[in-house]
């Protein structure tokens, strides 16, 4: 099983999960350093203004080793095992995988 980042991450992009990932499999649509810098200087509002309302982080399903280190670090409870995703967010498993197909 792999981990998936769902809706609560949108517009938040807290990178605490990135810091604990032993295989660096969590990525964003922009370089993580840039996301952190904007978030630290301008907050979530600045982050959304620069990158869009739905900016979020993604877990690469090919690189994730299912260690679970990221899940408890997420301050907005956006990270789930793929088989434990709430039904309303089930489509995030596909969008997470698609994000990496398109890279």
PDB file of N, CA and C in Angstrom:
ATOM      1  N   UNK A   1       0.842  -1.179   0.000  1.00  0.00           N
ATOM      2  CA  UNK A   1       0.000   0.000   0.000  1.00  0.00           C
ATOM      3  C   UNK A   1       0.885   1.240   0.000  1.00  0.00           C
ATOM      4  N   UNK A   2       0.368   2.290  -0.578  1.00  0.00           N
ATOM      5  CA  UNK A   2       1.098   3.546  -0.650  1.00  0.00           C
ATOM      6  C   UNK A   2       0.300   4.630   0.069  1.00  0.00           C
ATOM      7  N   UNK A   3       0.905   5.761   0.204  1.00  0.00           N
ATOM      8  CA  UNK A   3       0.246   6.890   0.846  1.00  0.00           C
ATOM      9  C   UNK A   3      -0.150   7.913  -0.209  1.00  0.00           C
ATOM     10  N   UNK A   4      -1.241   8.623   0.092  1.00  0.00           N
ATOM     11  CA  UNK A   4      -1.811   9.600  -0.833  1.00  0.00           C
ATOM     12  C   UNK A   4      -2.097  10.876  -0.046  1.00  0.00           C
ATOM     13  N   UNK A   5      -1.847  12.006  -0.688  1.00  0.00           N
ATOM     14  CA  UNK A   5      -2.166  13.297  -0.086  1.00  0.00           C
ATOM     15  C   UNK A   5      -3.490  13.779  -0.682  1.00  0.00           C
ATOM     16  N   UNK A   6      -4.424  14.143   0.196  1.00  0.00           N
ATOM     17  CA  UNK A   6      -5.775  14.501  -0.236  1.00  0.00           C
ATOM     18  C   UNK A   6      -6.073  15.994  -0.040  1.00  0.00           C
ATOM     19  N   UNK A   7      -7.326  16.345  -0.190  1.00  0.00           N
ATOM     20  CA  UNK A   7      -7.814  17.721  -0.225  1.00  0.00           C
ATOM     21  C   UNK A   7      -7.322  18.658   0.888  1.00  0.00           C
ATOM     22  N   UNK A   8      -7.211  18.212   2.133  1.00  0.00           N
ATOM     23  CA  UNK A   8      -6.793  19.169   3.167  1.00  0.00           C
ATOM     24  C   UNK A   8      -5.443  19.844   2.894  1.00  0.00           C
ATOM     25  N   UNK A   9      -4.624  19.270   2.027  1.00  0.00           N
ATOM     26  CA  UNK A   9      -3.335  19.872   1.684  1.00  0.00           C
ATOM     27  C   UNK A   9      -3.481  21.043   0.715  1.00  0.00           C
ATOM     28  N   UNK A  10      -4.572  21.074  -0.032  1.00  0.00           N
ATOM     29  CA  UNK A  10      -4.747  22.108  -1.049  1.00  0.00           C
ATOM     30  C   UNK A  10      -4.670  23.506  -0.452  1.00  0.00           C
ATOM     31  N   UNK A  11      -3.782  24.305  -0.997  1.00  0.00           N
ATOM     32  CA  UNK A  11      -3.613  25.672  -0.543  1.00  0.00           C
ATOM     33  C   UNK A  11      -2.852  25.816   0.754  1.00  0.00           C
ATOM     34  N   UNK A  12      -2.404  24.687   1.320  1.00  0.00           N
ATOM     35  CA  UNK A  12      -1.671  24.703   2.581  1.00  0.00           C
ATOM     36  C   UNK A  12      -0.194  24.358   2.353  1.00  0.00           C
ATOM     37  N   UNK A  13       0.054  23.224   1.766  1.00  0.00           N
ATOM     38  CA  UNK A  13       1.411  22.769   1.422  1.00  0.00           C
ATOM     39  C   UNK A  13       2.400  22.867   2.573  1.00  0.00           C
ATOM     40  N   UNK A  14       2.006  22.453   3.752  1.00  0.00           N
ATOM     41  CA  UNK A  14       2.967  22.375   4.851  1.00  0.00           C
ATOM     42  C   UNK A  14       3.945  21.267   4.496  1.00  0.00           C
ATOM     43  N   UNK A  15       5.226  21.523   4.600  1.00  0.00           N
ATOM     44  CA  UNK A  15       6.230  20.559   4.144  1.00  0.00           C
ATOM     45  C   UNK A  15       6.824  19.715   5.266  1.00  0.00           C
ATOM     46  N   UNK A  16       6.170  19.638   6.408  1.00  0.00           N
ATOM     47  CA  UNK A  16       6.672  18.799   7.500  1.00  0.00           C
ATOM     48  C   UNK A  16       6.799  17.343   7.055  1.00  0.00           C
ATOM     49  N   UNK A  17       5.899  16.896   6.202  1.00  0.00           N
ATOM     50  CA  UNK A  17       5.939  15.523   5.696  1.00  0.00           C
ATOM     51  C   UNK A  17       7.191  15.274   4.856  1.00  0.00           C
ATOM     52  N   UNK A  18       7.590  16.284   4.104  1.00  0.00           N
ATOM     53  CA  UNK A  18       8.770  16.172   3.248  1.00  0.00           C
ATOM     54  C   UNK A  18      10.013  15.949   4.111  1.00  0.00           C
ATOM     55  N   UNK A  19      10.083  16.656   5.213  1.00  0.00           N
ATOM     56  CA  UNK A  19      11.262  16.599   6.076  1.00  0.00           C
ATOM     57  C   UNK A  19      11.497  15.228   6.689  1.00  0.00           C
ATOM     58  N   UNK A  20      10.449  14.437   6.861  1.00  0.00           N
ATOM     59  CA  UNK A  20      10.610  13.125   7.496  1.00  0.00           C
ATOM     60  C   UNK A  20      10.632  11.959   6.514  1.00  0.00           C
ATOM     61  N   UNK A  21      10.379  12.225   5.262  1.00  0.00           N
ATOM     62  CA  UNK A  21      10.349  11.145   4.269  1.00  0.00           C
ATOM     63  C   UNK A  21      11.766  10.634   4.006  1.00  0.00           C
ATOM     64  N   UNK A  22      12.002   9.340   4.260  1.00  0.00           N
ATOM     65  CA  UNK A  22      13.359   8.811   4.084  1.00  0.00           C
ATOM     66  C   UNK A  22      13.774   8.598   2.631  1.00  0.00           C
ATOM     67  N   UNK A  23      12.818   8.652   1.703  1.00  0.00           N
ATOM     68  CA  UNK A  23      13.161   8.414   0.296  1.00  0.00           C
ATOM     69  C   UNK A  23      12.845   9.608  -0.608  1.00  0.00           C
ATOM     70  N   UNK A  24      12.527  10.733  -0.019  1.00  0.00           N
ATOM     71  CA  UNK A  24      12.251  11.958  -0.781  1.00  0.00           C
ATOM     72  C   UNK A  24      11.249  11.743  -1.914  1.00  0.00           C
ATOM     73  N   UNK A  25      10.121  11.129  -1.574  1.00  0.00           N
ATOM     74  CA  UNK A  25       9.125  10.841  -2.607  1.00  0.00           C
ATOM     75  C   UNK A  25       7.965  11.831  -2.625  1.00  0.00           C
ATOM     76  N   UNK A  26       8.054  12.907  -1.832  1.00  0.00           N
ATOM     77  CA  UNK A  26       6.983  13.897  -1.786  1.00  0.00           C
ATOM     78  C   UNK A  26       7.434  15.139  -2.556  1.00  0.00           C
ATOM     79  N   UNK A  27       6.611  15.526  -3.516  1.00  0.00           N
ATOM     80  CA  UNK A  27       6.976  16.618  -4.418  1.00  0.00           C
ATOM     81  C   UNK A  27       5.805  17.567  -4.600  1.00  0.00           C
ATOM     82  N   UNK A  28       6.096  18.717  -5.176  1.00  0.00           N
ATOM     83  CA  UNK A  28       5.060  19.687  -5.489  1.00  0.00           C
ATOM     84  C   UNK A  28       5.157  20.105  -6.941  1.00  0.00           C
ATOM     85  N   UNK A  29       4.215  20.914  -7.397  1.00  0.00           N
ATOM     86  CA  UNK A  29       4.237  21.367  -8.784  1.00  0.00           C
ATOM     87  C   UNK A  29       5.317  22.423  -9.048  1.00  0.00           C
ATOM     88  N   UNK A  30       5.922  22.928  -7.991  1.00  0.00           N
ATOM     89  CA  UNK A  30       7.049  23.858  -8.069  1.00  0.00           C
ATOM     90  C   UNK A  30       8.132  23.292  -7.158  1.00  0.00           C
ATOM     91  N   UNK A  31       9.361  23.760  -7.298  1.00  0.00           N
ATOM     92  CA  UNK A  31      10.412  23.272  -6.398  1.00  0.00           C
ATOM     93  C   UNK A  31      10.020  23.492  -4.936  1.00  0.00           C
ATOM     94  N   UNK A  32      10.277  22.490  -4.095  1.00  0.00           N
ATOM     95  CA  UNK A  32       9.874  22.574  -2.694  1.00  0.00           C
ATOM     96  C   UNK A  32      10.494  23.767  -1.985  1.00  0.00           C
ATOM     97  N   UNK A  33      11.713  24.138  -2.361  1.00  0.00           N
ATOM     98  CA  UNK A  33      12.353  25.298  -1.740  1.00  0.00           C
ATOM     99  C   UNK A  33      11.552  26.571  -2.024  1.00  0.00           C
ATOM    100  N   UNK A  34      11.040  26.678  -3.239  1.00  0.00           N
ATOM    101  CA  UNK A  34      10.243  27.843  -3.612  1.00  0.00           C
ATOM    102  C   UNK A  34       8.911  27.847  -2.869  1.00  0.00           C
ATOM    103  N   UNK A  35       8.269  26.691  -2.770  1.00  0.00           N
ATOM    104  CA  UNK A  35       7.006  26.587  -2.030  1.00  0.00           C
ATOM    105  C   UNK A  35       7.227  26.984  -0.573  1.00  0.00           C
ATOM    106  N   UNK A  36       8.287  26.471   0.038  1.00  0.00           N
ATOM    107  CA  UNK A  36       8.588  26.813   1.435  1.00  0.00           C
ATOM    108  C   UNK A  36       8.850  28.307   1.600  1.00  0.00           C
ATOM    109  N   UNK A  37       9.615  28.872   0.698  1.00  0.00           N
ATOM    110  CA  UNK A  37       9.963  30.287   0.799  1.00  0.00           C
ATOM    111  C   UNK A  37       8.723  31.173   0.722  1.00  0.00           C
ATOM    112  N   UNK A  38       7.863  30.904  -0.248  1.00  0.00           N
ATOM    113  CA  UNK A  38       6.647  31.702  -0.401  1.00  0.00           C
ATOM    114  C   UNK A  38       5.748  31.511   0.815  1.00  0.00           C
ATOM    115  N   UNK A  39       5.590  30.282   1.252  1.00  0.00           N
ATOM    116  CA  UNK A  39       4.726  30.004   2.401  1.00  0.00           C
ATOM    117  C   UNK A  39       5.254  30.679   3.664  1.00  0.00           C
ATOM    118  N   UNK A  40       6.571  30.626   3.872  1.00  0.00           N
ATOM    119  CA  UNK A  40       7.165  31.234   5.060  1.00  0.00           C
ATOM    120  C   UNK A  40       7.057  32.755   5.048  1.00  0.00           C
ATOM    121  N   UNK A  41       7.238  33.356   3.881  1.00  0.00           N
ATOM    122  CA  UNK A  41       7.229  34.817   3.782  1.00  0.00           C
ATOM    123  C   UNK A  41       5.833  35.408   3.638  1.00  0.00           C
ATOM    124  N   UNK A  42       4.961  34.723   2.900  1.00  0.00           N
ATOM    125  CA  UNK A  42       3.665  35.301   2.560  1.00  0.00           C
ATOM    126  C   UNK A  42       2.477  34.511   3.088  1.00  0.00           C
ATOM    127  N   UNK A  43       2.739  33.395   3.747  1.00  0.00           N
ATOM    128  CA  UNK A  43       1.664  32.585   4.303  1.00  0.00           C
ATOM    129  C   UNK A  43       0.895  31.817   3.240  1.00  0.00           C
ATOM    130  N   UNK A  44      -0.137  31.155   3.683  1.00  0.00           N
ATOM    131  CA  UNK A  44      -0.949  30.347   2.766  1.00  0.00           C
ATOM    132  C   UNK A  44      -1.629  31.208   1.705  1.00  0.00           C
ATOM    133  N   UNK A  45      -2.006  32.425   2.076  1.00  0.00           N
ATOM    134  CA  UNK A  45      -2.650  33.312   1.113  1.00  0.00           C
ATOM    135  C   UNK A  45      -1.690  33.649  -0.030  1.00  0.00           C
ATOM    136  N   UNK A  46      -0.444  33.947   0.297  1.00  0.00           N
ATOM    137  CA  UNK A  46       0.559  34.228  -0.725  1.00  0.00           C
ATOM    138  C   UNK A  46       0.864  33.016  -1.572  1.00  0.00           C
ATOM    139  N   UNK A  47       0.871  31.850  -0.929  1.00  0.00           N
ATOM    140  CA  UNK A  47       1.102  30.587  -1.637  1.00  0.00           C
ATOM    141  C   UNK A  47       0.025  30.358  -2.692  1.00  0.00           C
ATOM    142  N   UNK A  48      -1.228  30.547  -2.291  1.00  0.00           N
ATOM    143  CA  UNK A  48      -2.339  30.363  -3.229  1.00  0.00           C
ATOM    144  C   UNK A  48      -2.335  31.428  -4.321  1.00  0.00           C
ATOM    145  N   UNK A  49      -1.948  32.653  -3.979  1.00  0.00           N
ATOM    146  CA  UNK A  49      -1.895  33.726  -4.979  1.00  0.00           C
ATOM    147  C   UNK A  49      -0.838  33.419  -6.042  1.00  0.00           C
ATOM    148  N   UNK A  50       0.273  32.874  -5.628  1.00  0.00           N
ATOM    149  CA  UNK A  50       1.360  32.601  -6.577  1.00  0.00           C
ATOM    150  C   UNK A  50       1.134  31.327  -7.380  1.00  0.00           C
ATOM    151  N   UNK A  51       0.658  30.268  -6.725  1.00  0.00           N
ATOM    152  CA  UNK A  51       0.584  28.957  -7.370  1.00  0.00           C
ATOM    153  C   UNK A  51      -0.831  28.468  -7.673  1.00  0.00           C
ATOM    154  N   UNK A  52      -1.839  29.160  -7.194  1.00  0.00           N
ATOM    155  CA  UNK A  52      -3.215  28.724  -7.429  1.00  0.00           C
ATOM    156  C   UNK A  52      -3.839  28.129  -6.179  1.00  0.00           C
ATOM    157  N   UNK A  53      -5.144  28.209  -6.113  1.00  0.00           N
ATOM    158  CA  UNK A  53      -5.907  27.758  -4.943  1.00  0.00           C
ATOM    159  C   UNK A  53      -5.699  26.284  -4.610  1.00  0.00           C
ATOM    160  N   UNK A  54      -5.480  25.477  -5.617  1.00  0.00           N
ATOM    161  CA  UNK A  54      -5.437  24.027  -5.404  1.00  0.00           C
ATOM    162  C   UNK A  54      -4.019  23.465  -5.318  1.00  0.00           C
ATOM    163  N   UNK A  55      -3.025  24.319  -5.132  1.00  0.00           N
ATOM    164  CA  UNK A  55      -1.668  23.795  -5.016  1.00  0.00           C
ATOM    165  C   UNK A  55      -1.606  22.817  -3.842  1.00  0.00           C
ATOM    166  N   UNK A  56      -0.936  21.703  -4.083  1.00  0.00           N
ATOM    167  CA  UNK A  56      -0.778  20.710  -3.029  1.00  0.00           C
ATOM    168  C   UNK A  56       0.485  19.907  -3.293  1.00  0.00           C
ATOM    169  N   UNK A  57       0.837  19.074  -2.326  1.00  0.00           N
ATOM    170  CA  UNK A  57       1.973  18.176  -2.472  1.00  0.00           C
ATOM    171  C   UNK A  57       1.460  16.815  -2.929  1.00  0.00           C
ATOM    172  N   UNK A  58       2.367  16.014  -3.479  1.00  0.00           N
ATOM    173  CA  UNK A  58       2.012  14.695  -4.003  1.00  0.00           C
ATOM    174  C   UNK A  58       3.060  13.674  -3.583  1.00  0.00           C
ATOM    175  N   UNK A  59       2.622  12.434  -3.381  1.00  0.00           N
ATOM    176  CA  UNK A  59       3.524  11.334  -3.045  1.00  0.00           C
ATOM    177  C   UNK A  59       3.675  10.448  -4.269  1.00  0.00           C
ATOM    178  N   UNK A  60       4.912  10.254  -4.693  1.00  0.00           N
ATOM    179  CA  UNK A  60       5.189   9.426  -5.862  1.00  0.00           C
ATOM    180  C   UNK A  60       4.921   7.963  -5.516  1.00  0.00           C
ATOM    181  N   UNK A  61       3.920   7.336  -6.138  1.00  0.00           N
ATOM    182  CA  UNK A  61       3.582   5.953  -5.800  1.00  0.00           C
ATOM    183  C   UNK A  61       4.674   4.953  -6.173  1.00  0.00           C
ATOM    184  N   UNK A  62       5.547   5.326  -7.092  1.00  0.00           N
ATOM    185  CA  UNK A  62       6.641   4.432  -7.481  1.00  0.00           C
ATOM    186  C   UNK A  62       7.802   4.496  -6.493  1.00  0.00           C
ATOM    187  N   UNK A  63       7.926   5.601  -5.772  1.00  0.00           N
ATOM    188  CA  UNK A  63       9.034   5.781  -4.842  1.00  0.00           C
ATOM    189  C   UNK A  63       8.654   5.535  -3.385  1.00  0.00           C
ATOM    190  N   UNK A  64       7.381   5.672  -3.067  1.00  0.00           N
ATOM    191  CA  UNK A  64       6.920   5.518  -1.681  1.00  0.00           C
ATOM    192  C   UNK A  64       7.197   4.097  -1.190  1.00  0.00           C
ATOM    193  N   UNK A  65       7.802   3.997  -0.011  1.00  0.00           N
ATOM    194  CA  UNK A  65       8.116   2.677   0.562  1.00  0.00           C
ATOM    195  C   UNK A  65       7.115   2.284   1.651  1.00  0.00           C
ATOM    196  N   UNK A  66       6.048   3.035   1.774  1.00  0.00           N
ATOM    197  CA  UNK A  66       4.956   2.741   2.716  1.00  0.00           C
ATOM    198  C   UNK A  66       5.404   2.707   4.171  1.00  0.00           C
ATOM    199  N   UNK A  67       6.369   3.540   4.523  1.00  0.00           N
ATOM    200  CA  UNK A  67       6.862   3.549   5.904  1.00  0.00           C
ATOM    201  C   UNK A  67       5.914   4.272   6.848  1.00  0.00           C
ATOM    202  N   UNK A  68       5.117   5.203   6.315  1.00  0.00           N
ATOM    203  CA  UNK A  68       4.148   5.924   7.128  1.00  0.00           C
ATOM    204  C   UNK A  68       4.714   7.088   7.923  1.00  0.00           C
ATOM    205  N   UNK A  69       5.969   7.429   7.739  1.00  0.00           N
ATOM    206  CA  UNK A  69       6.577   8.519   8.502  1.00  0.00           C
ATOM    207  C   UNK A  69       5.880   9.854   8.263  1.00  0.00           C
ATOM    208  N   UNK A  70       5.362  10.056   7.074  1.00  0.00           N
ATOM    209  CA  UNK A  70       4.742  11.328   6.699  1.00  0.00           C
ATOM    210  C   UNK A  70       3.389  11.567   7.369  1.00  0.00           C
ATOM    211  N   UNK A  71       2.627  10.515   7.519  1.00  0.00           N
ATOM    212  CA  UNK A  71       1.233  10.656   7.962  1.00  0.00           C
ATOM    213  C   UNK A  71       1.074  11.429   9.279  1.00  0.00           C
ATOM    214  N   UNK A  72       1.781  11.070  10.348  1.00  0.00           N
ATOM    215  CA  UNK A  72       1.576  11.802  11.601  1.00  0.00           C
ATOM    216  C   UNK A  72       2.151  13.217  11.589  1.00  0.00           C
ATOM    217  N   UNK A  73       3.007  13.526  10.642  1.00  0.00           N
ATOM    218  CA  UNK A  73       3.617  14.854  10.572  1.00  0.00           C
ATOM    219  C   UNK A  73       2.731  15.898   9.920  1.00  0.00           C
ATOM    220  N   UNK A  74       1.726  15.460   9.178  1.00  0.00           N
ATOM    221  CA  UNK A  74       0.865  16.389   8.453  1.00  0.00           C
ATOM    222  C   UNK A  74      -0.059  17.125   9.430  1.00  0.00           C
ATOM    223  N   UNK A  75       0.079  18.457   9.527  1.00  0.00           N
ATOM    224  CA  UNK A  75      -0.740  19.199  10.493  1.00  0.00           C
ATOM    225  C   UNK A  75      -2.208  19.347  10.092  1.00  0.00           C
ATOM    226  N   UNK A  76      -2.532  19.020   8.837  1.00  0.00           N
ATOM    227  CA  UNK A  76      -3.930  19.136   8.392  1.00  0.00           C
ATOM    228  C   UNK A  76      -4.557  17.773   8.106  1.00  0.00           C
ATOM    229  N   UNK A  77      -3.879  16.712   8.511  1.00  0.00           N
ATOM    230  CA  UNK A  77      -4.406  15.348   8.337  1.00  0.00           C
ATOM    231  C   UNK A  77      -4.827  15.061   6.903  1.00  0.00           C
ATOM    232  N   UNK A  78      -3.918  15.336   5.968  1.00  0.00           N
ATOM    233  CA  UNK A  78      -4.210  15.147   4.543  1.00  0.00           C
ATOM    234  C   UNK A  78      -3.627  13.861   3.975  1.00  0.00           C
ATOM    235  N   UNK A  79      -2.849  13.115   4.764  1.00  0.00           N
ATOM    236  CA  UNK A  79      -2.148  11.944   4.239  1.00  0.00           C
ATOM    237  C   UNK A  79      -2.814  10.662   4.737  1.00  0.00           C
ATOM    238  N   UNK A  80      -3.117   9.778   3.777  1.00  0.00           N
ATOM    239  CA  UNK A  80      -3.815   8.535   4.074  1.00  0.00           C
ATOM    240  C   UNK A  80      -3.167   7.376   3.326  1.00  0.00           C
ATOM    241  N   UNK A  81      -3.267   6.182   3.890  1.00  0.00           N
ATOM    242  CA  UNK A  81      -2.927   4.990   3.121  1.00  0.00           C
ATOM    243  C   UNK A  81      -3.975   4.912   2.013  1.00  0.00           C
ATOM    244  N   UNK A  82      -3.567   4.476   0.838  1.00  0.00           N
ATOM    245  CA  UNK A  82      -4.497   4.495  -0.297  1.00  0.00           C
ATOM    246  C   UNK A  82      -5.769   3.705  -0.044  1.00  0.00           C
ATOM    247  N   UNK A  83      -5.679   2.630   0.715  1.00  0.00           N
ATOM    248  CA  UNK A  83      -6.889   1.843   0.978  1.00  0.00           C
ATOM    249  C   UNK A  83      -7.711   2.383   2.148  1.00  0.00           C
ATOM    250  N   UNK A  84      -7.260   3.501   2.749  1.00  0.00           N
ATOM    251  CA  UNK A  84      -8.002   4.124   3.845  1.00  0.00           C
ATOM    252  C   UNK A  84      -8.458   5.548   3.512  1.00  0.00           C
ATOM    253  N   UNK A  85      -8.331   5.918   2.247  1.00  0.00           N
ATOM    254  CA  UNK A  85      -8.806   7.237   1.825  1.00  0.00           C
ATOM    255  C   UNK A  85     -10.307   7.345   2.052  1.00  0.00           C
ATOM    256  N   UNK A  86     -10.771   8.430   2.662  1.00  0.00           N
ATOM    257  CA  UNK A  86     -12.221   8.614   2.764  1.00  0.00           C
ATOM    258  C   UNK A  86     -12.834   8.611   1.359  1.00  0.00           C
ATOM    259  N   UNK A  87     -14.014   8.058   1.243  1.00  0.00           N
ATOM    260  CA  UNK A  87     -14.686   7.933  -0.055  1.00  0.00           C
ATOM    261  C   UNK A  87     -14.723   9.256  -0.815  1.00  0.00           C
ATOM    262  N   UNK A  88     -14.983  10.349  -0.089  1.00  0.00           N
ATOM    263  CA  UNK A  88     -15.092  11.650  -0.761  1.00  0.00           C
ATOM    264  C   UNK A  88     -13.773  12.108  -1.382  1.00  0.00           C
ATOM    265  N   UNK A  89     -12.658  11.509  -0.996  1.00  0.00           N
ATOM    266  CA  UNK A  89     -11.356  11.873  -1.531  1.00  0.00           C
ATOM    267  C   UNK A  89     -10.703  10.734  -2.304  1.00  0.00           C
ATOM    268  N   UNK A  90     -11.451   9.719  -2.638  1.00  0.00           N
ATOM    269  CA  UNK A  90     -10.891   8.547  -3.323  1.00  0.00           C
ATOM    270  C   UNK A  90     -10.196   8.916  -4.628  1.00  0.00           C
ATOM    271  N   UNK A  91     -10.681   9.923  -5.312  1.00  0.00           N
ATOM    272  CA  UNK A  91     -10.080  10.318  -6.591  1.00  0.00           C
ATOM    273  C   UNK A  91      -8.666  10.883  -6.437  1.00  0.00           C
ATOM    274  N   UNK A  92      -8.254  11.206  -5.228  1.00  0.00           N
ATOM    275  CA  UNK A  92      -6.900  11.728  -5.025  1.00  0.00           C
ATOM    276  C   UNK A  92      -5.833  10.670  -5.268  1.00  0.00           C
ATOM    277  N   UNK A  93      -6.159   9.403  -5.118  1.00  0.00           N
ATOM    278  CA  UNK A  93      -5.189   8.350  -5.433  1.00  0.00           C
ATOM    279  C   UNK A  93      -4.815   8.418  -6.909  1.00  0.00           C
ATOM    280  N   UNK A  94      -5.814   8.595  -7.756  1.00  0.00           N
ATOM    281  CA  UNK A  94      -5.570   8.694  -9.193  1.00  0.00           C
ATOM    282  C   UNK A  94      -4.851   9.992  -9.557  1.00  0.00           C
ATOM    283  N   UNK A  95      -5.273  11.108  -8.955  1.00  0.00           N
ATOM    284  CA  UNK A  95      -4.627  12.379  -9.297  1.00  0.00           C
ATOM    285  C   UNK A  95      -3.188  12.424  -8.801  1.00  0.00           C
ATOM    286  N   UNK A  96      -2.920  11.776  -7.662  1.00  0.00           N
ATOM    287  CA  UNK A  96      -1.535  11.673  -7.176  1.00  0.00           C
ATOM    288  C   UNK A  96      -0.676  10.925  -8.189  1.00  0.00           C
ATOM    289  N   UNK A  97      -1.149   9.775  -8.651  1.00  0.00           N
ATOM    290  CA  UNK A  97      -0.399   8.977  -9.631  1.00  0.00           C
ATOM    291  C   UNK A  97      -0.257   9.735 -10.946  1.00  0.00           C
ATOM    292  N   UNK A  98      -1.322  10.402 -11.375  1.00  0.00           N
ATOM    293  CA  UNK A  98      -1.290  11.145 -12.641  1.00  0.00           C
ATOM    294  C   UNK A  98      -0.281  12.283 -12.601  1.00  0.00           C
ATOM    295  N   UNK A  99      -0.143  12.913 -11.464  1.00  0.00           N
ATOM    296  CA  UNK A  99       0.827  13.998 -11.332  1.00  0.00           C
ATOM    297  C   UNK A  99       2.222  13.525 -11.746  1.00  0.00           C
ATOM    298  N   UNK A 100       2.574  12.305 -11.390  1.00  0.00           N
ATOM    299  CA  UNK A 100       3.910  11.790 -11.709  1.00  0.00           C
ATOM    300  C   UNK A 100       4.000  11.232 -13.120  1.00  0.00           C
ATOM    301  N   UNK A 101       2.896  10.799 -13.690  1.00  0.00           N
ATOM    302  CA  UNK A 101       2.892  10.360 -15.090  1.00  0.00           C
ATOM    303  C   UNK A 101       3.199  11.524 -16.014  1.00  0.00           C
ATOM    304  N   UNK A 102       2.711  12.673 -15.654  1.00  0.00           N
ATOM    305  CA  UNK A 102       2.854  13.860 -16.492  1.00  0.00           C
ATOM    306  C   UNK A 102       4.202  14.566 -16.332  1.00  0.00           C
ATOM    307  N   UNK A 103       5.041  14.083 -15.451  1.00  0.00           N
ATOM    308  CA  UNK A 103       6.332  14.761 -15.200  1.00  0.00           C
ATOM    309  C   UNK A 103       7.399  14.266 -16.117  1.00  0.00           C
TER     310      UNK A 103
END
